[in-house]
Protein backbone atom coordinates (compact mmCIF):
# COMPACT_ATOMS: atom_id res chain seq x y z
CA MET A 1 -18.09 67.04 -57.04
CA HIS A 2 -18.58 63.36 -57.71
CA LYS A 3 -16.32 61.25 -55.75
CA THR A 4 -14.85 58.16 -57.14
CA LEU A 5 -14.91 55.01 -54.79
CA ASN A 6 -12.15 53.01 -54.10
CA LEU A 7 -13.16 48.87 -54.48
CA ASP A 8 -12.33 48.92 -50.58
CA GLU A 9 -15.01 51.49 -50.04
CA LEU A 10 -17.50 50.42 -52.47
CA ILE A 11 -17.35 46.96 -50.89
CA ALA A 12 -18.23 48.64 -47.82
CA ALA A 13 -21.13 51.07 -49.33
CA LYS A 14 -22.68 47.94 -50.56
CA GLN A 15 -22.38 46.09 -47.43
CA ARG A 16 -24.04 49.17 -45.25
CA GLU A 17 -26.90 49.10 -47.82
CA LYS A 18 -27.31 45.47 -47.51
CA GLU A 19 -27.29 45.49 -43.64
CA GLU A 20 -30.05 48.57 -44.12
CA VAL A 21 -32.28 46.73 -46.29
CA GLU A 22 -32.24 43.59 -44.42
CA GLY A 23 -32.35 45.43 -40.83
CA GLY A 24 -35.45 43.83 -39.47
CA SER A 25 -37.27 42.02 -42.23
CA ASP A 26 -38.02 38.14 -42.74
CA GLN A 27 -37.14 37.93 -46.07
CA LYS A 28 -36.78 34.49 -47.43
CA THR A 29 -33.51 33.11 -48.12
CA GLU A 30 -32.01 32.97 -51.80
CA GLU A 31 -29.65 31.10 -53.34
CA LEU A 32 -26.43 33.30 -54.18
CA TYR A 33 -23.81 32.82 -56.94
CA ASP A 34 -20.49 34.65 -57.27
CA LEU A 35 -18.91 36.16 -60.35
CA LEU A 36 -15.20 35.62 -59.95
CA ILE A 37 -13.74 39.35 -61.34
CA PRO A 38 -10.27 38.40 -62.96
CA PRO A 39 -7.32 40.18 -61.67
CA GLY A 40 -6.44 43.22 -63.79
CA THR A 41 -10.08 43.98 -64.66
CA ILE A 42 -10.74 47.39 -65.77
CA VAL A 43 -11.90 49.32 -62.25
CA SER A 44 -15.04 51.26 -64.18
CA ILE A 45 -16.20 48.16 -65.87
CA ILE A 46 -16.53 46.32 -62.21
CA TYR A 47 -18.33 49.74 -60.94
CA ASP A 48 -20.97 49.65 -63.97
CA ILE A 49 -21.15 45.70 -63.05
CA VAL A 50 -21.81 46.38 -59.49
CA GLU A 51 -24.50 49.21 -60.10
CA GLU A 52 -26.15 48.07 -63.44
CA PHE A 53 -26.85 44.45 -62.02
CA ASP A 54 -27.08 45.38 -58.26
CA LEU A 55 -24.32 42.82 -57.32
CA GLU A 56 -22.55 42.86 -54.05
CA PRO A 57 -18.69 43.31 -54.36
CA VAL A 58 -17.13 40.73 -51.51
CA ASN A 59 -13.60 39.27 -51.45
CA ARG A 60 -13.17 35.24 -51.94
CA LYS A 61 -10.07 33.39 -51.29
CA VAL A 62 -9.55 31.17 -54.42
CA PHE A 63 -6.74 28.67 -54.66
CA VAL A 64 -4.26 29.59 -57.39
CA GLY A 65 -1.89 27.28 -58.64
CA VAL A 66 -0.18 29.67 -61.14
CA ALA A 67 3.36 30.69 -59.38
CA ASN A 68 3.58 29.07 -56.01
CA SER A 69 0.26 27.28 -55.67
CA GLU A 70 -1.30 29.29 -53.15
CA GLU A 71 -4.66 30.86 -51.75
CA ARG A 72 -5.10 34.59 -53.17
CA GLU A 73 -7.84 36.60 -52.39
CA ILE A 74 -10.07 38.08 -55.30
CA LEU A 75 -12.95 40.21 -55.89
CA ALA A 76 -16.20 38.56 -56.43
CA LEU A 77 -19.33 39.98 -57.13
CA ARG A 78 -22.47 38.01 -55.40
CA GLY A 79 -26.11 37.73 -56.53
CA PRO A 80 -28.78 35.84 -57.83
CA LEU A 81 -28.08 33.46 -60.51
CA ASP A 82 -30.42 35.44 -63.40
CA LYS A 83 -27.84 38.58 -62.45
CA VAL A 84 -24.81 37.07 -62.12
CA GLN A 85 -24.98 35.33 -65.79
CA ALA A 86 -26.26 38.94 -66.96
CA ALA A 87 -22.96 40.50 -65.63
CA GLU A 88 -20.72 38.00 -66.64
CA LYS A 89 -21.92 38.56 -70.48
CA PHE A 90 -21.39 42.15 -69.97
CA LEU A 91 -18.08 41.62 -68.44
CA ASN A 92 -17.05 39.95 -71.48
CA GLU A 93 -18.25 41.88 -74.20
CA GLU A 94 -17.11 45.26 -72.37
CA MET A 95 -13.56 43.56 -71.83
CA ASN A 96 -13.80 42.38 -75.31
CA ALA A 97 -14.58 45.70 -76.36
CA TRP A 98 -11.94 47.11 -74.11
CA LEU A 99 -9.13 45.01 -76.03
CA GLU A 100 -10.33 45.61 -79.76
CA SER A 101 -10.10 49.48 -78.95
CA ARG A 102 -6.41 48.81 -77.77
């Protein structure tokens, strides 16, 4: 039976994987970049991006100057620049395809 994770469970699972991999190794530090996921993005697209591009889901506080000009916690996908750029392209293509199907 296949279990679908909610976003919090997905973030926790990826964090555990990262800790297991980094456990006792002395890996060189690489620069990581964040792909900010717009609120309202379809969850299945987020799952596909995380799995396909092996990005780490994290929560990030950003300033939102819309209604009350406040900070808001949003989802970001973190990884190396090349993977984040490919994921951004994939996200745009998938969201456009979803909008056109409506």
